[in-house]
Amino acid sequence: MAIVGYKFYGRNIRPYLEEPDKKSRTILGMTLFSLIIFGAFAIRPSLTTISRLRQEVKKAREAEVLLDEKINKLSQAQVNYQLASKNVELVNRALPKSAAVPEILENLALAAGRHNIALNETKFGAVEGDDPKIIPLTITVTGNLANLEKFIIELEEGVRQMDVQRVKMSRGSESLENLTAEIGLVTYYYE
């Protein structure tokens, strides 16, 4: 059988490898054939892998840009939080988490003292509402008209949220300068 293979080679293939006209064409054909084979089995998977990796790199760069934006926004949010945290205490004082009745009484007494007003009586009503809860109260004070006006303005513009709903004034029997005012107001807290 080896002899048959040798005769086949000698007759059919050898002329293509030894004759100068056919030799160059044969080498060119075999080179193209081997390129096609290598292209199909080696280069094509490499090219698909390269293409897939390029797409992944592109997506990773987009994700990096998005993450950088998020980091910048988080940094800005942290700065904003630090700036706002100073005001959170004011918000907690304006709308506390408990009724804080002693604090309300202390604020009323201090405001009355600042405006030379006599704080005669304070009555608290029943707590109403869900969130925020409403504490109605009625206070009776005595003083002159200008001081009473300043006192009411301070109650409305103070740190603790208080809304004056009604004011009833009457003259004192001793002097025309002294007025007695019954002030109905509400304050709030949030549980």
N, C-alpha and C. Protein backbone atom coordinates (compact mmCIF):
# COMPACT_ATOMS: atom_id res chain seq x y z
N MET A 1 0.79 -1.18 0.00
CA MET A 1 0.00 0.00 0.00
C MET A 1 0.85 1.26 0.00
N ALA A 2 1.97 1.21 0.62
CA ALA A 2 2.85 2.36 0.63
C ALA A 2 3.32 2.67 -0.79
N ILE A 3 3.42 1.68 -1.58
CA ILE A 3 3.86 1.89 -2.95
C ILE A 3 2.76 2.56 -3.75
N VAL A 4 1.52 2.19 -3.51
CA VAL A 4 0.40 2.80 -4.22
C VAL A 4 0.33 4.27 -3.87
N GLY A 5 0.54 4.61 -2.57
CA GLY A 5 0.52 5.99 -2.14
C GLY A 5 1.66 6.77 -2.80
N TYR A 6 2.81 6.12 -2.96
CA TYR A 6 3.95 6.78 -3.57
C TYR A 6 3.70 7.03 -5.04
N LYS A 7 3.06 6.08 -5.73
CA LYS A 7 2.77 6.27 -7.15
C LYS A 7 1.73 7.39 -7.32
N PHE A 8 0.77 7.42 -6.43
CA PHE A 8 -0.24 8.48 -6.50
C PHE A 8 0.42 9.85 -6.30
N TYR A 9 1.31 9.91 -5.35
CA TYR A 9 2.02 11.15 -5.09
C TYR A 9 2.87 11.54 -6.29
N GLY A 10 3.57 10.58 -6.83
CA GLY A 10 4.47 10.84 -7.96
C GLY A 10 3.71 11.29 -9.19
N ARG A 11 2.56 10.72 -9.45
CA ARG A 11 1.81 11.05 -10.64
C ARG A 11 0.95 12.30 -10.50
N ASN A 12 0.27 12.45 -9.41
CA ASN A 12 -0.74 13.51 -9.29
C ASN A 12 -0.27 14.76 -8.52
N ILE A 13 0.55 14.60 -7.51
CA ILE A 13 0.89 15.75 -6.68
C ILE A 13 2.27 16.31 -6.99
N ARG A 14 3.23 15.47 -7.28
CA ARG A 14 4.60 15.91 -7.50
C ARG A 14 4.72 16.95 -8.61
N PRO A 15 4.02 16.85 -9.70
CA PRO A 15 4.18 17.87 -10.74
C PRO A 15 3.78 19.27 -10.24
N TYR A 16 2.82 19.33 -9.32
CA TYR A 16 2.40 20.65 -8.82
C TYR A 16 3.44 21.28 -7.89
N LEU A 17 4.31 20.46 -7.32
CA LEU A 17 5.31 20.98 -6.39
C LEU A 17 6.68 21.18 -7.05
N GLU A 18 6.90 20.60 -8.22
CA GLU A 18 8.21 20.71 -8.84
C GLU A 18 8.22 21.59 -10.09
N GLU A 19 7.20 21.63 -10.86
CA GLU A 19 7.19 22.46 -12.07
C GLU A 19 7.04 23.92 -11.66
N PRO A 20 7.85 24.83 -12.22
CA PRO A 20 7.85 26.22 -11.79
C PRO A 20 6.51 26.93 -12.00
N ASP A 21 5.78 26.66 -13.10
CA ASP A 21 4.48 27.32 -13.32
C ASP A 21 3.47 26.91 -12.25
N LYS A 22 3.42 25.63 -12.04
CA LYS A 22 2.41 25.10 -11.12
C LYS A 22 2.80 25.29 -9.65
N LYS A 23 4.12 25.34 -9.39
CA LYS A 23 4.61 25.42 -8.02
C LYS A 23 4.13 26.71 -7.32
N SER A 24 4.26 27.85 -8.00
CA SER A 24 3.86 29.11 -7.36
C SER A 24 2.35 29.15 -7.12
N ARG A 25 1.59 28.64 -8.08
CA ARG A 25 0.14 28.61 -7.91
C ARG A 25 -0.27 27.63 -6.79
N THR A 26 0.42 26.52 -6.73
CA THR A 26 0.13 25.52 -5.70
C THR A 26 0.41 26.09 -4.31
N ILE A 27 1.56 26.74 -4.16
CA ILE A 27 1.92 27.32 -2.86
C ILE A 27 0.92 28.42 -2.49
N LEU A 28 0.55 29.25 -3.47
CA LEU A 28 -0.45 30.28 -3.22
C LEU A 28 -1.78 29.67 -2.81
N GLY A 29 -2.21 28.64 -3.51
CA GLY A 29 -3.47 27.97 -3.19
C GLY A 29 -3.45 27.32 -1.81
N MET A 30 -2.33 26.66 -1.49
CA MET A 30 -2.22 26.00 -0.18
C MET A 30 -2.15 27.05 0.94
N THR A 31 -1.49 28.18 0.65
CA THR A 31 -1.43 29.25 1.65
C THR A 31 -2.82 29.82 1.90
N LEU A 32 -3.56 30.07 0.82
CA LEU A 32 -4.94 30.57 0.98
C LEU A 32 -5.82 29.56 1.70
N PHE A 33 -5.65 28.28 1.35
CA PHE A 33 -6.44 27.23 2.01
C PHE A 33 -6.12 27.16 3.51
N SER A 34 -4.81 27.22 3.83
CA SER A 34 -4.44 27.17 5.25
C SER A 34 -4.92 28.43 5.98
N LEU A 35 -4.92 29.60 5.29
CA LEU A 35 -5.45 30.80 5.92
C LEU A 35 -6.94 30.67 6.19
N ILE A 36 -7.65 30.07 5.26
CA ILE A 36 -9.09 29.86 5.47
C ILE A 36 -9.31 28.92 6.65
N ILE A 37 -8.56 27.86 6.72
CA ILE A 37 -8.70 26.90 7.82
C ILE A 37 -8.36 27.57 9.15
N PHE A 38 -7.19 28.26 9.19
CA PHE A 38 -6.81 28.94 10.43
C PHE A 38 -7.78 30.06 10.78
N GLY A 39 -8.27 30.74 9.76
CA GLY A 39 -9.25 31.80 10.00
C GLY A 39 -10.52 31.25 10.62
N ALA A 40 -10.96 30.11 10.11
CA ALA A 40 -12.20 29.53 10.61
C ALA A 40 -12.04 28.99 12.03
N PHE A 41 -10.88 28.38 12.31
CA PHE A 41 -10.72 27.71 13.61
C PHE A 41 -9.93 28.50 14.65
N ALA A 42 -9.13 29.47 14.23
CA ALA A 42 -8.30 30.18 15.20
C ALA A 42 -8.58 31.68 15.24
N ILE A 43 -8.62 32.29 14.11
CA ILE A 43 -8.75 33.74 14.08
C ILE A 43 -10.17 34.20 14.38
N ARG A 44 -11.15 33.50 13.85
CA ARG A 44 -12.55 33.91 14.07
C ARG A 44 -12.92 33.93 15.55
N PRO A 45 -12.64 32.88 16.32
CA PRO A 45 -12.96 32.97 17.76
C PRO A 45 -12.19 34.10 18.47
N SER A 46 -10.95 34.33 18.03
CA SER A 46 -10.18 35.42 18.63
C SER A 46 -10.83 36.76 18.32
N LEU A 47 -11.29 36.93 17.09
CA LEU A 47 -11.94 38.18 16.71
C LEU A 47 -13.25 38.38 17.47
N THR A 48 -14.02 37.30 17.63
CA THR A 48 -15.27 37.44 18.40
C THR A 48 -14.97 37.76 19.87
N THR A 49 -13.92 37.15 20.42
CA THR A 49 -13.53 37.45 21.80
C THR A 49 -13.08 38.90 21.93
N ILE A 50 -12.30 39.37 20.96
CA ILE A 50 -11.84 40.76 20.99
C ILE A 50 -13.03 41.71 20.90
N SER A 51 -13.98 41.39 20.03
CA SER A 51 -15.17 42.24 19.88
C SER A 51 -15.98 42.27 21.18
N ARG A 52 -16.17 41.11 21.78
CA ARG A 52 -16.92 41.04 23.04
C ARG A 52 -16.20 41.79 24.15
N LEU A 53 -14.88 41.67 24.22
CA LEU A 53 -14.12 42.38 25.24
C LEU A 53 -14.18 43.89 25.03
N ARG A 54 -14.16 44.32 23.78
CA ARG A 54 -14.28 45.76 23.52
C ARG A 54 -15.63 46.29 23.99
N GLN A 55 -16.71 45.51 23.76
CA GLN A 55 -18.03 45.91 24.23
C GLN A 55 -18.06 45.98 25.75
N GLU A 56 -17.44 45.00 26.41
CA GLU A 56 -17.41 45.01 27.87
C GLU A 56 -16.62 46.21 28.41
N VAL A 57 -15.52 46.54 27.73
CA VAL A 57 -14.72 47.70 28.14
C VAL A 57 -15.54 48.98 27.97
N LYS A 58 -16.29 49.07 26.86
CA LYS A 58 -17.14 50.25 26.64
C LYS A 58 -18.20 50.37 27.73
N LYS A 59 -18.86 49.25 28.07
CA LYS A 59 -19.85 49.26 29.14
C LYS A 59 -19.21 49.60 30.48
N ALA A 60 -18.01 49.08 30.72
CA ALA A 60 -17.31 49.37 31.98
C ALA A 60 -16.97 50.85 32.07
N ARG A 61 -16.58 51.46 30.96
CA ARG A 61 -16.28 52.90 30.98
C ARG A 61 -17.55 53.70 31.25
N GLU A 62 -18.68 53.29 30.65
CA GLU A 62 -19.95 53.97 30.92
C GLU A 62 -20.33 53.82 32.39
N ALA A 63 -20.13 52.61 32.93
CA ALA A 63 -20.43 52.38 34.35
C ALA A 63 -19.51 53.22 35.23
N GLU A 64 -18.25 53.35 34.83
CA GLU A 64 -17.32 54.17 35.60
C GLU A 64 -17.76 55.63 35.62
N VAL A 65 -18.23 56.12 34.47
CA VAL A 65 -18.71 57.51 34.41
C VAL A 65 -19.92 57.67 35.32
N LEU A 66 -20.86 56.71 35.27
CA LEU A 66 -22.04 56.78 36.14
C LEU A 66 -21.65 56.72 37.61
N LEU A 67 -20.72 55.85 37.94
CA LEU A 67 -20.28 55.74 39.34
C LEU A 67 -19.57 57.01 39.80
N ASP A 68 -18.78 57.61 38.92
CA ASP A 68 -18.14 58.88 39.27
C ASP A 68 -19.18 59.96 39.53
N GLU A 69 -20.22 60.00 38.69
CA GLU A 69 -21.30 60.96 38.91
C GLU A 69 -21.99 60.70 40.25
N LYS A 70 -22.25 59.43 40.56
CA LYS A 70 -22.88 59.11 41.83
C LYS A 70 -21.99 59.50 43.01
N ILE A 71 -20.70 59.27 42.88
CA ILE A 71 -19.77 59.64 43.95
C ILE A 71 -19.79 61.15 44.14
N ASN A 72 -19.79 61.89 43.03
CA ASN A 72 -19.86 63.36 43.14
C ASN A 72 -21.16 63.80 43.79
N LYS A 73 -22.27 63.16 43.40
CA LYS A 73 -23.56 63.52 43.99
C LYS A 73 -23.60 63.16 45.47
N LEU A 74 -23.01 62.01 45.83
CA LEU A 74 -22.96 61.64 47.25
C LEU A 74 -22.11 62.63 48.04
N SER A 75 -21.00 63.07 47.45
CA SER A 75 -20.17 64.06 48.13
C SER A 75 -20.95 65.36 48.33
N GLN A 76 -21.66 65.77 47.29
CA GLN A 76 -22.47 66.99 47.40
C GLN A 76 -23.58 66.81 48.42
N ALA A 77 -24.20 65.62 48.43
CA ALA A 77 -25.26 65.34 49.41
C ALA A 77 -24.70 65.38 50.83
N GLN A 78 -23.48 64.87 51.00
CA GLN A 78 -22.87 64.91 52.33
C GLN A 78 -22.62 66.36 52.77
N VAL A 79 -22.15 67.18 51.84
CA VAL A 79 -21.93 68.60 52.16
C VAL A 79 -23.26 69.26 52.50
N ASN A 80 -24.29 68.97 51.69
CA ASN A 80 -25.62 69.55 51.95
C ASN A 80 -26.16 69.09 53.30
N TYR A 81 -25.94 67.82 53.62
CA TYR A 81 -26.41 67.30 54.91
C TYR A 81 -25.70 68.01 56.06
N GLN A 82 -24.38 68.20 55.92
CA GLN A 82 -23.65 68.88 56.99
C GLN A 82 -24.13 70.32 57.15
N LEU A 83 -24.45 70.97 56.02
CA LEU A 83 -24.98 72.33 56.12
C LEU A 83 -26.38 72.33 56.74
N ALA A 84 -27.19 71.33 56.38
CA ALA A 84 -28.57 71.28 56.89
C ALA A 84 -28.64 70.74 58.30
N SER A 85 -27.64 69.98 58.73
CA SER A 85 -27.71 69.40 60.07
C SER A 85 -27.76 70.48 61.15
N LYS A 86 -27.19 71.64 60.84
CA LYS A 86 -27.26 72.74 61.80
C LYS A 86 -28.70 73.21 61.95
N ASN A 87 -29.46 73.14 60.86
CA ASN A 87 -30.84 73.61 60.90
C ASN A 87 -31.79 72.54 61.43
N VAL A 88 -31.35 71.30 61.49
CA VAL A 88 -32.20 70.23 61.99
C VAL A 88 -32.54 70.48 63.46
N GLU A 89 -31.60 71.01 64.20
CA GLU A 89 -31.87 71.32 65.60
C GLU A 89 -32.98 72.37 65.71
N LEU A 90 -32.94 73.36 64.82
CA LEU A 90 -34.00 74.37 64.84
C LEU A 90 -35.35 73.75 64.49
N VAL A 91 -35.36 72.84 63.54
CA VAL A 91 -36.60 72.16 63.17
C VAL A 91 -37.12 71.34 64.35
N ASN A 92 -36.23 70.66 65.04
CA ASN A 92 -36.64 69.88 66.20
C ASN A 92 -37.15 70.78 67.33
N ARG A 93 -36.61 71.98 67.43
CA ARG A 93 -37.11 72.90 68.45
C ARG A 93 -38.46 73.49 68.03
N ALA A 94 -38.65 73.72 66.73
CA ALA A 94 -39.92 74.28 66.24
C ALA A 94 -41.03 73.25 66.32
N LEU A 95 -40.72 72.01 66.02
CA LEU A 95 -41.72 70.94 66.05
C LEU A 95 -41.11 69.75 66.79
N PRO A 96 -41.09 69.81 68.13
CA PRO A 96 -40.42 68.76 68.91
C PRO A 96 -41.16 67.43 68.83
N LYS A 97 -40.48 66.39 69.33
CA LYS A 97 -41.04 65.04 69.26
C LYS A 97 -41.90 64.71 70.47
N SER A 98 -41.98 65.62 71.43
CA SER A 98 -42.86 65.41 72.58
C SER A 98 -43.54 66.74 72.91
N ALA A 99 -44.55 66.67 73.75
CA ALA A 99 -45.32 67.87 74.08
C ALA A 99 -44.45 68.92 74.76
N ALA A 100 -43.51 68.51 75.60
CA ALA A 100 -42.56 69.41 76.27
C ALA A 100 -43.27 70.58 76.94
N VAL A 101 -44.25 70.28 77.80
CA VAL A 101 -45.04 71.32 78.48
C VAL A 101 -44.14 72.23 79.33
N PRO A 102 -43.18 71.70 80.09
CA PRO A 102 -42.33 72.61 80.86
C PRO A 102 -41.58 73.62 79.97
N GLU A 103 -41.17 73.16 78.81
CA GLU A 103 -40.47 74.05 77.88
C GLU A 103 -41.42 75.15 77.37
N ILE A 104 -42.66 74.79 77.10
CA ILE A 104 -43.65 75.78 76.66
C ILE A 104 -43.86 76.82 77.76
N LEU A 105 -44.02 76.37 78.99
CA LEU A 105 -44.21 77.30 80.11
C LEU A 105 -42.99 78.19 80.31
N GLU A 106 -41.81 77.62 80.17
CA GLU A 106 -40.59 78.40 80.31
C GLU A 106 -40.51 79.48 79.21
N ASN A 107 -40.82 79.10 77.97
CA ASN A 107 -40.80 80.08 76.86
C ASN A 107 -41.80 81.20 77.10
N LEU A 108 -43.01 80.84 77.57
CA LEU A 108 -44.03 81.86 77.85
C LEU A 108 -43.55 82.81 78.96
N ALA A 109 -42.98 82.25 80.02
CA ALA A 109 -42.52 83.08 81.14
C ALA A 109 -41.37 83.99 80.70
N LEU A 110 -40.45 83.48 79.91
CA LEU A 110 -39.33 84.30 79.45
C LEU A 110 -39.81 85.42 78.54
N ALA A 111 -40.73 85.10 77.61
CA ALA A 111 -41.27 86.13 76.71
C ALA A 111 -42.02 87.18 77.50
N ALA A 112 -42.80 86.78 78.49
CA ALA A 112 -43.55 87.74 79.31
C ALA A 112 -42.58 88.63 80.09
N GLY A 113 -41.52 88.04 80.61
CA GLY A 113 -40.53 88.82 81.35
C GLY A 113 -39.80 89.81 80.45
N ARG A 114 -39.48 89.43 79.24
CA ARG A 114 -38.79 90.34 78.31
C ARG A 114 -39.64 91.55 77.95
N HIS A 115 -40.95 91.38 77.95
CA HIS A 115 -41.83 92.47 77.52
C HIS A 115 -42.59 93.10 78.68
N ASN A 116 -42.13 92.83 79.90
CA ASN A 116 -42.73 93.45 81.09
C ASN A 116 -44.23 93.18 81.17
N ILE A 117 -44.58 91.92 81.00
CA ILE A 117 -45.97 91.47 81.03
C ILE A 117 -46.11 90.52 82.21
N ALA A 118 -47.24 90.58 82.91
CA ALA A 118 -47.51 89.64 84.00
C ALA A 118 -48.27 88.45 83.44
N LEU A 119 -47.70 87.27 83.60
CA LEU A 119 -48.33 86.03 83.14
C LEU A 119 -49.22 85.53 84.28
N ASN A 120 -50.53 85.68 84.15
CA ASN A 120 -51.46 85.37 85.23
C ASN A 120 -51.87 83.90 85.26
N GLU A 121 -52.21 83.34 84.12
CA GLU A 121 -52.78 81.99 84.12
C GLU A 121 -52.48 81.31 82.78
N THR A 122 -52.26 80.01 82.83
CA THR A 122 -52.07 79.21 81.63
C THR A 122 -52.92 77.96 81.74
N LYS A 123 -53.78 77.72 80.75
CA LYS A 123 -54.64 76.53 80.73
C LYS A 123 -54.35 75.74 79.46
N PHE A 124 -54.10 74.46 79.64
CA PHE A 124 -53.86 73.58 78.49
C PHE A 124 -55.13 72.82 78.17
N GLY A 125 -55.43 72.67 76.88
CA GLY A 125 -56.57 71.88 76.45
C GLY A 125 -56.14 70.46 76.13
N ALA A 126 -57.08 69.67 75.68
CA ALA A 126 -56.79 68.28 75.32
C ALA A 126 -56.02 68.24 73.99
N VAL A 127 -55.09 67.30 73.89
CA VAL A 127 -54.28 67.14 72.67
C VAL A 127 -55.17 66.63 71.56
N GLU A 128 -55.04 67.24 70.38
CA GLU A 128 -55.86 66.87 69.23
C GLU A 128 -54.95 66.45 68.08
N GLY A 129 -55.55 65.82 67.08
CA GLY A 129 -54.83 65.49 65.85
C GLY A 129 -53.98 64.25 65.97
N ASP A 130 -53.49 63.80 64.81
CA ASP A 130 -52.62 62.63 64.77
C ASP A 130 -51.16 63.05 64.62
N ASP A 131 -50.81 63.51 63.44
CA ASP A 131 -49.45 63.98 63.19
C ASP A 131 -49.51 65.20 62.33
N PRO A 132 -49.09 66.34 62.75
CA PRO A 132 -48.60 66.66 64.08
C PRO A 132 -49.73 66.80 65.07
N LYS A 133 -49.42 66.55 66.31
CA LYS A 133 -50.41 66.68 67.37
C LYS A 133 -50.52 68.16 67.76
N ILE A 134 -51.72 68.58 68.07
CA ILE A 134 -52.01 69.98 68.39
C ILE A 134 -52.28 70.10 69.89
N ILE A 135 -51.60 71.05 70.52
CA ILE A 135 -51.82 71.33 71.94
C ILE A 135 -52.47 72.72 72.03
N PRO A 136 -53.76 72.78 72.33
CA PRO A 136 -54.37 74.11 72.50
C PRO A 136 -54.10 74.62 73.92
N LEU A 137 -53.85 75.92 74.04
CA LEU A 137 -53.67 76.50 75.35
C LEU A 137 -54.20 77.93 75.35
N THR A 138 -54.59 78.36 76.52
CA THR A 138 -55.10 79.71 76.72
C THR A 138 -54.29 80.34 77.83
N ILE A 139 -53.75 81.54 77.57
CA ILE A 139 -52.97 82.24 78.59
C ILE A 139 -53.63 83.58 78.87
N THR A 140 -53.54 84.00 80.11
CA THR A 140 -54.07 85.30 80.52
C THR A 140 -52.88 86.12 80.99
N VAL A 141 -52.72 87.30 80.38
CA VAL A 141 -51.60 88.17 80.72
C VAL A 141 -52.11 89.58 80.98
N THR A 142 -51.29 90.37 81.70
CA THR A 142 -51.64 91.75 82.00
C THR A 142 -50.45 92.63 81.66
N GLY A 143 -50.72 93.76 80.98
CA GLY A 143 -49.67 94.70 80.62
C GLY A 143 -50.24 95.80 79.76
N ASN A 144 -49.35 96.72 79.33
CA ASN A 144 -49.87 97.78 78.47
C ASN A 144 -49.96 97.28 77.02
N LEU A 145 -50.65 98.05 76.18
CA LEU A 145 -50.97 97.62 74.82
C LEU A 145 -49.73 97.35 73.98
N ALA A 146 -48.75 98.21 74.04
CA ALA A 146 -47.54 98.05 73.23
C ALA A 146 -46.79 96.78 73.63
N ASN A 147 -46.67 96.53 74.92
CA ASN A 147 -45.97 95.33 75.38
C ASN A 147 -46.76 94.07 75.05
N LEU A 148 -48.07 94.13 75.16
CA LEU A 148 -48.90 92.98 74.78
C LEU A 148 -48.71 92.65 73.29
N GLU A 149 -48.65 93.69 72.47
CA GLU A 149 -48.47 93.47 71.04
C GLU A 149 -47.11 92.81 70.76
N LYS A 150 -46.05 93.29 71.40
CA LYS A 150 -44.71 92.70 71.23
C LYS A 150 -44.70 91.25 71.72
N PHE A 151 -45.37 91.00 72.83
CA PHE A 151 -45.46 89.65 73.39
C PHE A 151 -46.11 88.69 72.39
N ILE A 152 -47.23 89.11 71.81
CA ILE A 152 -47.95 88.25 70.84
C ILE A 152 -47.10 88.02 69.59
N ILE A 153 -46.41 89.06 69.14
CA ILE A 153 -45.53 88.91 67.96
C ILE A 153 -44.41 87.92 68.26
N GLU A 154 -43.84 88.00 69.46
CA GLU A 154 -42.77 87.06 69.82
C GLU A 154 -43.29 85.63 69.87
N LEU A 155 -44.50 85.44 70.38
CA LEU A 155 -45.06 84.09 70.41
C LEU A 155 -45.22 83.53 69.00
N GLU A 156 -45.69 84.36 68.08
CA GLU A 156 -45.90 83.89 66.70
C GLU A 156 -44.61 83.68 65.94
N GLU A 157 -43.59 84.51 66.23
CA GLU A 157 -42.34 84.43 65.47
C GLU A 157 -41.24 83.70 66.21
N GLY A 158 -41.54 83.11 67.35
CA GLY A 158 -40.53 82.40 68.13
C GLY A 158 -40.10 81.11 67.45
N VAL A 159 -39.11 80.47 68.06
CA VAL A 159 -38.58 79.23 67.50
C VAL A 159 -39.63 78.12 67.56
N ARG A 160 -40.29 77.98 68.69
CA ARG A 160 -41.35 76.97 68.82
C ARG A 160 -42.56 77.42 68.02
N GLN A 161 -43.10 76.55 67.21
CA GLN A 161 -44.24 76.87 66.35
C GLN A 161 -45.48 77.08 67.22
N MET A 162 -45.97 78.34 67.25
CA MET A 162 -47.19 78.68 67.98
C MET A 162 -48.03 79.56 67.09
N ASP A 163 -49.30 79.25 67.01
CA ASP A 163 -50.23 80.04 66.20
C ASP A 163 -51.27 80.66 67.12
N VAL A 164 -51.29 81.99 67.14
CA VAL A 164 -52.29 82.71 67.94
C VAL A 164 -53.60 82.68 67.16
N GLN A 165 -54.66 82.18 67.79
CA GLN A 165 -55.95 82.05 67.11
C GLN A 165 -56.94 83.13 67.52
N ARG A 166 -56.85 83.58 68.78
CA ARG A 166 -57.77 84.63 69.21
C ARG A 166 -57.13 85.41 70.34
N VAL A 167 -57.52 86.66 70.42
CA VAL A 167 -57.07 87.53 71.50
C VAL A 167 -58.30 88.29 72.01
N LYS A 168 -58.54 88.23 73.31
CA LYS A 168 -59.65 88.95 73.91
C LYS A 168 -59.05 89.88 74.95
N MET A 169 -59.26 91.19 74.78
CA MET A 169 -58.67 92.17 75.69
C MET A 169 -59.76 92.88 76.48
N SER A 170 -59.41 93.20 77.73
CA SER A 170 -60.32 93.98 78.57
C SER A 170 -59.47 94.92 79.43
N ARG A 171 -60.07 96.06 79.80
CA ARG A 171 -59.35 97.03 80.62
C ARG A 171 -59.39 96.61 82.07
N GLY A 172 -58.29 96.86 82.71
CA GLY A 172 -58.24 96.62 84.15
C GLY A 172 -58.96 97.75 84.88
N SER A 173 -59.53 97.46 86.03
CA SER A 173 -60.30 98.47 86.77
C SER A 173 -59.39 99.48 87.46
N GLU A 174 -58.13 99.10 87.72
CA GLU A 174 -57.24 100.00 88.43
C GLU A 174 -56.71 101.12 87.54
N SER A 175 -56.33 100.81 86.35
CA SER A 175 -55.67 101.80 85.51
C SER A 175 -56.06 101.58 84.06
N LEU A 176 -56.06 102.67 83.32
CA LEU A 176 -56.36 102.56 81.89
C LEU A 176 -55.16 102.03 81.13
N GLU A 177 -53.97 102.11 81.71
CA GLU A 177 -52.76 101.64 81.05
C GLU A 177 -52.71 100.11 81.00
N ASN A 178 -53.15 99.45 82.05
CA ASN A 178 -53.06 98.00 82.11
C ASN A 178 -54.26 97.36 81.42
N LEU A 179 -53.92 96.42 80.54
CA LEU A 179 -54.95 95.65 79.86
C LEU A 179 -54.77 94.19 80.24
N THR A 180 -55.87 93.50 80.33
CA THR A 180 -55.82 92.06 80.54
C THR A 180 -56.21 91.40 79.23
N ALA A 181 -55.34 90.51 78.77
CA ALA A 181 -55.59 89.83 77.49
C ALA A 181 -55.68 88.33 77.72
N GLU A 182 -56.67 87.74 77.12
CA GLU A 182 -56.81 86.29 77.10
C GLU A 182 -56.45 85.85 75.69
N ILE A 183 -55.34 85.12 75.57
CA ILE A 183 -54.80 84.73 74.26
C ILE A 183 -55.01 83.23 74.08
N GLY A 184 -55.73 82.87 73.03
CA GLY A 184 -55.91 81.46 72.69
C GLY A 184 -54.95 81.11 71.57
N LEU A 185 -54.11 80.11 71.79
CA LEU A 185 -53.14 79.72 70.77
C LEU A 185 -52.97 78.21 70.77
N VAL A 186 -52.35 77.75 69.73
CA VAL A 186 -52.05 76.31 69.62
C VAL A 186 -50.56 76.16 69.32
N THR A 187 -50.02 75.08 69.81
CA THR A 187 -48.64 74.70 69.47
C THR A 187 -48.68 73.24 69.05
N TYR A 188 -47.60 72.78 68.45
CA TYR A 188 -47.60 71.46 67.82
C TYR A 188 -46.43 70.63 68.30
N TYR A 189 -46.58 69.33 68.19
CA TYR A 189 -45.43 68.42 68.33
C TYR A 189 -45.69 67.21 67.45
N TYR A 190 -44.63 66.52 67.14
CA TYR A 190 -44.71 65.41 66.20
C TYR A 190 -44.13 64.16 66.84
N GLU A 191 -44.94 63.11 66.92
CA GLU A 191 -44.45 61.85 67.50
C GLU A 191 -43.93 60.95 66.40
